[in-house]
C-alpha atoms as a PDB file:
ATOM      1  CA  MET A   1       0.000   0.000   0.000  1.00  0.00           C
ATOM      2  CA  ALA A   2       2.848   2.419   0.752  1.00  0.00           C
ATOM      3  CA  ALA A   3       4.222   2.070  -2.781  1.00  0.00           C
ATOM      4  CA  LYS A   4       0.804   2.827  -4.207  1.00  0.00           C
ATOM      5  CA  SER A   5       0.382   5.968  -2.097  1.00  0.00           C
ATOM      6  CA  ARG A   6       3.869   7.153  -3.122  1.00  0.00           C
ATOM      7  CA  ALA A   7       2.958   6.581  -6.760  1.00  0.00           C
ATOM      8  CA  ALA A   8      -0.234   8.570  -6.280  1.00  0.00           C
ATOM      9  CA  THR A   9       1.710  11.564  -4.983  1.00  0.00           C
ATOM     10  CA  LYS A  10       4.203  11.785  -7.848  1.00  0.00           C
ATOM     11  CA  SER A  11       4.231  15.189  -9.452  1.00  0.00           C
ATOM     12  CA  ALA A  12       3.183  15.625 -13.053  1.00  0.00           C
ATOM     13  CA  ARG A  13       6.743  16.691 -13.859  1.00  0.00           C
ATOM     14  CA  ARG A  14       8.228  13.556 -12.273  1.00  0.00           C
ATOM     15  CA  ARG A  15       5.834  11.412 -14.308  1.00  0.00           C
ATOM     16  CA  ALA A  16       6.907  13.329 -17.428  1.00  0.00           C
ATOM     17  CA  ARG A  17      10.568  12.632 -16.647  1.00  0.00           C
ATOM     18  CA  GLU A  18       9.897   8.926 -16.054  1.00  0.00           C
ATOM     19  CA  LEU A  19       7.985   8.540 -19.315  1.00  0.00           C
ATOM     20  CA  ALA A  20      10.574  10.579 -21.220  1.00  0.00           C
ATOM     21  CA  LEU A  21      13.309   8.341 -19.807  1.00  0.00           C
ATOM     22  CA  GLN A  22      11.448   5.243 -20.922  1.00  0.00           C
ATOM     23  CA  GLY A  23      11.034   6.749 -24.390  1.00  0.00           C
ATOM     24  CA  LEU A  24      14.694   7.768 -24.544  1.00  0.00           C
ATOM     25  CA  TYR A  25      15.708   4.267 -23.472  1.00  0.00           C
ATOM     26  CA  GLU A  26      13.683   2.857 -26.352  1.00  0.00           C
ATOM     27  CA  TRP A  27      15.245   5.401 -28.717  1.00  0.00           C
ATOM     28  CA  LEU A  28      18.818   4.824 -27.501  1.00  0.00           C
ATOM     29  CA  VAL A  29      18.554   1.037 -27.649  1.00  0.00           C
ATOM     30  CA  GLY A  30      16.475   0.576 -30.782  1.00  0.00           C
ATOM     31  CA  ARG A  31      17.041   3.861 -32.634  1.00  0.00           C
ATOM     32  CA  GLY A  32      13.382   3.692 -33.577  1.00  0.00           C
ATOM     33  CA  GLU A  33      11.328   6.474 -35.054  1.00  0.00           C
ATOM     34  CA  LEU A  34      10.779   9.135 -32.387  1.00  0.00           C
ATOM     35  CA  ALA A  35       7.162   9.733 -33.440  1.00  0.00           C
ATOM     36  CA  ALA A  36       6.355   6.043 -32.942  1.00  0.00           C
ATOM     37  CA  ILE A  37       8.123   6.021 -29.570  1.00  0.00           C
ATOM     38  CA  GLU A  38       6.204   9.111 -28.493  1.00  0.00           C
ATOM     39  CA  ALA A  39       2.910   7.520 -29.546  1.00  0.00           C
ATOM     40  CA  HIS A  40       3.809   4.368 -27.596  1.00  0.00           C
ATOM     41  CA  MET A  41       4.622   6.384 -24.477  1.00  0.00           C
ATOM     42  CA  ARG A  42       1.373   8.345 -24.744  1.00  0.00           C
ATOM     43  CA  GLU A  43      -0.507   5.025 -24.617  1.00  0.00           C
ATOM     44  CA  GLN A  44       1.063   4.096 -21.269  1.00  0.00           C
ATOM     45  CA  GLU A  45      -1.158   3.855 -18.234  1.00  0.00           C
ATOM     46  CA  GLY A  46      -1.081   7.097 -16.280  1.00  0.00           C
ATOM     47  CA  PHE A  47       0.199   9.257 -19.137  1.00  0.00           C
ATOM     48  CA  GLU A  48      -2.739  11.616 -18.632  1.00  0.00           C
ATOM     49  CA  ARG A  49      -1.356  12.480 -15.178  1.00  0.00           C
ATOM     50  CA  CYS A  50       1.993  13.690 -16.521  1.00  0.00           C
ATOM     51  CA  ASP A  51       3.003  17.174 -17.644  1.00  0.00           C
ATOM     52  CA  SER A  52       2.709  16.402 -21.350  1.00  0.00           C
ATOM     53  CA  GLN A  53       4.440  19.618 -22.421  1.00  0.00           C
ATOM     54  CA  HIS A  54       7.456  18.779 -20.270  1.00  0.00           C
ATOM     55  CA  PHE A  55       7.404  15.202 -21.586  1.00  0.00           C
ATOM     56  CA  ASP A  56       7.442  16.509 -25.173  1.00  0.00           C
ATOM     57  CA  ALA A  57      10.251  18.962 -24.419  1.00  0.00           C
ATOM     58  CA  LEU A  58      12.380  16.274 -22.757  1.00  0.00           C
ATOM     59  CA  LEU A  59      11.821  13.481 -25.270  1.00  0.00           C
ATOM     60  CA  HIS A  60      12.188  15.573 -28.399  1.00  0.00           C
ATOM     61  CA  GLY A  61      14.755  17.991 -26.979  1.00  0.00           C
ATOM     62  CA  CYS A  62      17.063  15.232 -25.741  1.00  0.00           C
ATOM     63  CA  ALA A  63      16.825  13.363 -29.041  1.00  0.00           C
ATOM     64  CA  ARG A  64      17.290  16.501 -31.138  1.00  0.00           C
ATOM     65  CA  GLU A  65      20.204  17.806 -29.062  1.00  0.00           C
ATOM     66  CA  HIS A  66      21.794  14.538 -27.964  1.00  0.00           C
ATOM     67  CA  ALA A  67      25.129  15.306 -29.661  1.00  0.00           C
ATOM     68  CA  ALA A  68      25.471  18.712 -27.971  1.00  0.00           C
ATOM     69  CA  LEU A  69      24.298  17.337 -24.620  1.00  0.00           C
ATOM     70  CA  ASP A  70      26.702  14.390 -24.929  1.00  0.00           C
ATOM     71  CA  ALA A  71      29.537  16.854 -25.576  1.00  0.00           C
ATOM     72  CA  VAL A  72      28.769  18.650 -22.297  1.00  0.00           C
ATOM     73  CA  LEU A  73      28.483  15.350 -20.424  1.00  0.00           C
ATOM     74  CA  ALA A  74      31.686  13.969 -21.957  1.00  0.00           C
ATOM     75  CA  LYS A  75      33.715  16.739 -20.304  1.00  0.00           C
ATOM     76  CA  HIS A  76      32.693  15.426 -16.890  1.00  0.00           C
ATOM     77  CA  ALA A  77      32.195  11.681 -17.390  1.00  0.00           C
ATOM     78  CA  ASP A  78      34.867   9.018 -17.055  1.00  0.00           C
ATOM     79  CA  ARG A  79      33.690   7.212 -20.191  1.00  0.00           C
ATOM     80  CA  LYS A  80      32.023   7.884 -23.517  1.00  0.00           C
ATOM     81  CA  THR A  81      28.249   8.082 -23.431  1.00  0.00           C
ATOM     82  CA  SER A  82      28.191   5.193 -25.908  1.00  0.00           C
ATOM     83  CA  GLU A  83      29.790   3.051 -23.188  1.00  0.00           C
ATOM     84  CA  MET A  84      27.211   3.982 -20.529  1.00  0.00           C
ATOM     85  CA  SER A  85      24.134   1.950 -19.786  1.00  0.00           C
ATOM     86  CA  PRO A  86      21.178   3.318 -21.773  1.00  0.00           C
ATOM     87  CA  VAL A  87      19.442   4.143 -18.483  1.00  0.00           C
ATOM     88  CA  GLU A  88      22.339   6.251 -17.157  1.00  0.00           C
ATOM     89  CA  HIS A  89      22.771   7.873 -20.555  1.00  0.00           C
ATOM     90  CA  GLY A  90      19.066   8.732 -20.766  1.00  0.00           C
ATOM     91  CA  VAL A  91      19.002  10.097 -17.221  1.00  0.00           C
ATOM     92  CA  LEU A  92      22.076  12.232 -17.915  1.00  0.00           C
ATOM     93  CA  LEU A  93      20.518  13.537 -21.132  1.00  0.00           C
ATOM     94  CA  ILE A  94      17.374  14.556 -19.248  1.00  0.00           C
ATOM     95  CA  GLY A  95      19.388  16.221 -16.485  1.00  0.00           C
ATOM     96  CA  ALA A  96      21.621  18.062 -18.936  1.00  0.00           C
ATOM     97  CA  TYR A  97      18.635  19.122 -21.047  1.00  0.00           C
ATOM     98  CA  GLU A  98      16.843  20.534 -18.003  1.00  0.00           C
ATOM     99  CA  LEU A  99      19.999  22.342 -16.909  1.00  0.00           C
ATOM    100  CA  ALA A 100      20.454  23.813 -20.381  1.00  0.00           C
ATOM    101  CA  HIS A 101      16.859  24.655 -21.297  1.00  0.00           C
ATOM    102  CA  CYS A 102      14.492  24.631 -18.315  1.00  0.00           C
ATOM    103  CA  ALA A 103      15.296  27.808 -16.425  1.00  0.00           C
ATOM    104  CA  ASP A 104      12.100  27.344 -14.397  1.00  0.00           C
ATOM    105  CA  VAL A 105      13.656  24.221 -12.840  1.00  0.00           C
ATOM    106  CA  PRO A 106      16.323  25.162 -10.264  1.00  0.00           C
ATOM    107  CA  TYR A 107      19.616  23.422 -10.986  1.00  0.00           C
ATOM    108  CA  LYS A 108      19.522  21.490  -7.702  1.00  0.00           C
ATOM    109  CA  VAL A 109      16.039  20.207  -8.560  1.00  0.00           C
ATOM    110  CA  ALA A 110      17.170  19.125 -12.044  1.00  0.00           C
ATOM    111  CA  ILE A 111      20.065  17.183 -10.515  1.00  0.00           C
ATOM    112  CA  ASN A 112      17.946  15.693  -7.735  1.00  0.00           C
ATOM    113  CA  GLU A 113      15.241  14.585 -10.152  1.00  0.00           C
ATOM    114  CA  ALA A 114      17.873  12.907 -12.340  1.00  0.00           C
ATOM    115  CA  VAL A 115      19.309  11.167  -9.273  1.00  0.00           C
ATOM    116  CA  GLU A 116      15.817   9.933  -8.351  1.00  0.00           C
ATOM    117  CA  LEU A 117      15.326   8.592 -11.893  1.00  0.00           C
ATOM    118  CA  ALA A 118      18.644   6.768 -11.646  1.00  0.00           C
ATOM    119  CA  LYS A 119      17.664   5.291  -8.275  1.00  0.00           C
ATOM    120  CA  THR A 120      14.339   4.083  -9.675  1.00  0.00           C
ATOM    121  CA  PHE A 121      15.457   2.778 -13.064  1.00  0.00           C
ATOM    122  CA  GLY A 122      19.236   2.425 -12.949  1.00  0.00           C
ATOM    123  CA  GLY A 123      21.840   0.159 -11.446  1.00  0.00           C
ATOM    124  CA  THR A 124      22.821  -0.024  -7.792  1.00  0.00           C
ATOM    125  CA  ASP A 125      25.171   2.964  -7.662  1.00  0.00           C
ATOM    126  CA  GLY A 126      24.221   4.671 -10.916  1.00  0.00           C
ATOM    127  CA  HIS A 127      22.620   7.541  -9.027  1.00  0.00           C
ATOM    128  CA  LYS A 128      25.998   8.477  -7.516  1.00  0.00           C
ATOM    129  CA  TYR A 129      27.538   8.646 -10.975  1.00  0.00           C
ATOM    130  CA  VAL A 130      24.638  10.726 -12.312  1.00  0.00           C
ATOM    131  CA  ASN A 131      24.933  13.118  -9.363  1.00  0.00           C
ATOM    132  CA  GLY A 132      28.667  13.622  -9.880  1.00  0.00           C
ATOM    133  CA  VAL A 133      28.464  14.187 -13.624  1.00  0.00           C
ATOM    134  CA  LEU A 134      25.500  16.579 -13.462  1.00  0.00           C
ATOM    135  CA  ASP A 135      26.949  18.498 -10.525  1.00  0.00           C
ATOM    136  CA  LYS A 136      30.004  19.265 -12.671  1.00  0.00           C
ATOM    137  CA  ALA A 137      27.932  19.898 -15.808  1.00  0.00           C
ATOM    138  CA  ALA A 138      25.845  22.444 -13.883  1.00  0.00           C
ATOM    139  CA  LEU A 139      28.986  24.593 -13.612  1.00  0.00           C
ATOM    140  CA  ASP A 140      29.040  24.791 -17.423  1.00  0.00           C
ATOM    141  CA  LEU A 141      25.305  25.101 -18.000  1.00  0.00           C
ATOM    142  CA  ARG A 142      24.241  27.312 -15.070  1.00  0.00           C
ATOM    143  CA  PRO A 143      27.398  29.029 -13.807  1.00  0.00           C
ATOM    144  CA  GLN A 144      25.672  32.051 -12.222  1.00  0.00           C
ATOM    145  CA  GLU A 145      23.059  29.965 -10.405  1.00  0.00           C
ATOM    146  CA  VAL A 146      25.678  27.527  -9.079  1.00  0.00           C
ATOM    147  CA  ALA A 147      27.964  30.369  -7.989  1.00  0.00           C
ATOM    148  CA  ALA A 148      25.119  32.134  -6.198  1.00  0.00           C
ATOM    149  CA  ALA A 149      24.089  28.963  -4.376  1.00  0.00           C
ATOM    150  CA  ARG A 150      27.668  28.266  -3.297  1.00  0.00           C
ATOM    151  CA  ALA A 151      28.165  31.857  -2.143  1.00  0.00           C
ATOM    152  CA  ALA A 152      24.966  31.654  -0.087  1.00  0.00           C
ATOM    153  CA  ARG A 153      26.292  28.549   1.683  1.00  0.00           C
ATOM    154  CA  ALA A 154      29.652  30.153   2.469  1.00  0.00           C
END
């Protein structure tokens, strides 16, 4: 029952991230047609409870900009994105996309949401890797916001 109540309290944005990750996984593994993947994800149970605009932005934005996002991630990762698990790669793409394009999402929230995705869908310690890479990438993608947060802590 506890798992069900937690699922019921998920935000529409979190649902959008989860569905976008599942779509990106399908795209990264199968390199299928994005329109077909999007249609498949929209048929999933509970899709109506997600932020569909954020889902669209994440799925299409990550696919469209994957090369540029991978270039940012590559500066902070210890391996090529092609050598990462598709789950970690997808989570990192979502985190980097939100850092680069979703100014309404504070950088700490973008990183935390990516970490939560990695905990839910990834390997045992994948969330630690995601946290480290995105924390460093945030310096490139949101330098003023990161600097202000660090100055406030000091």
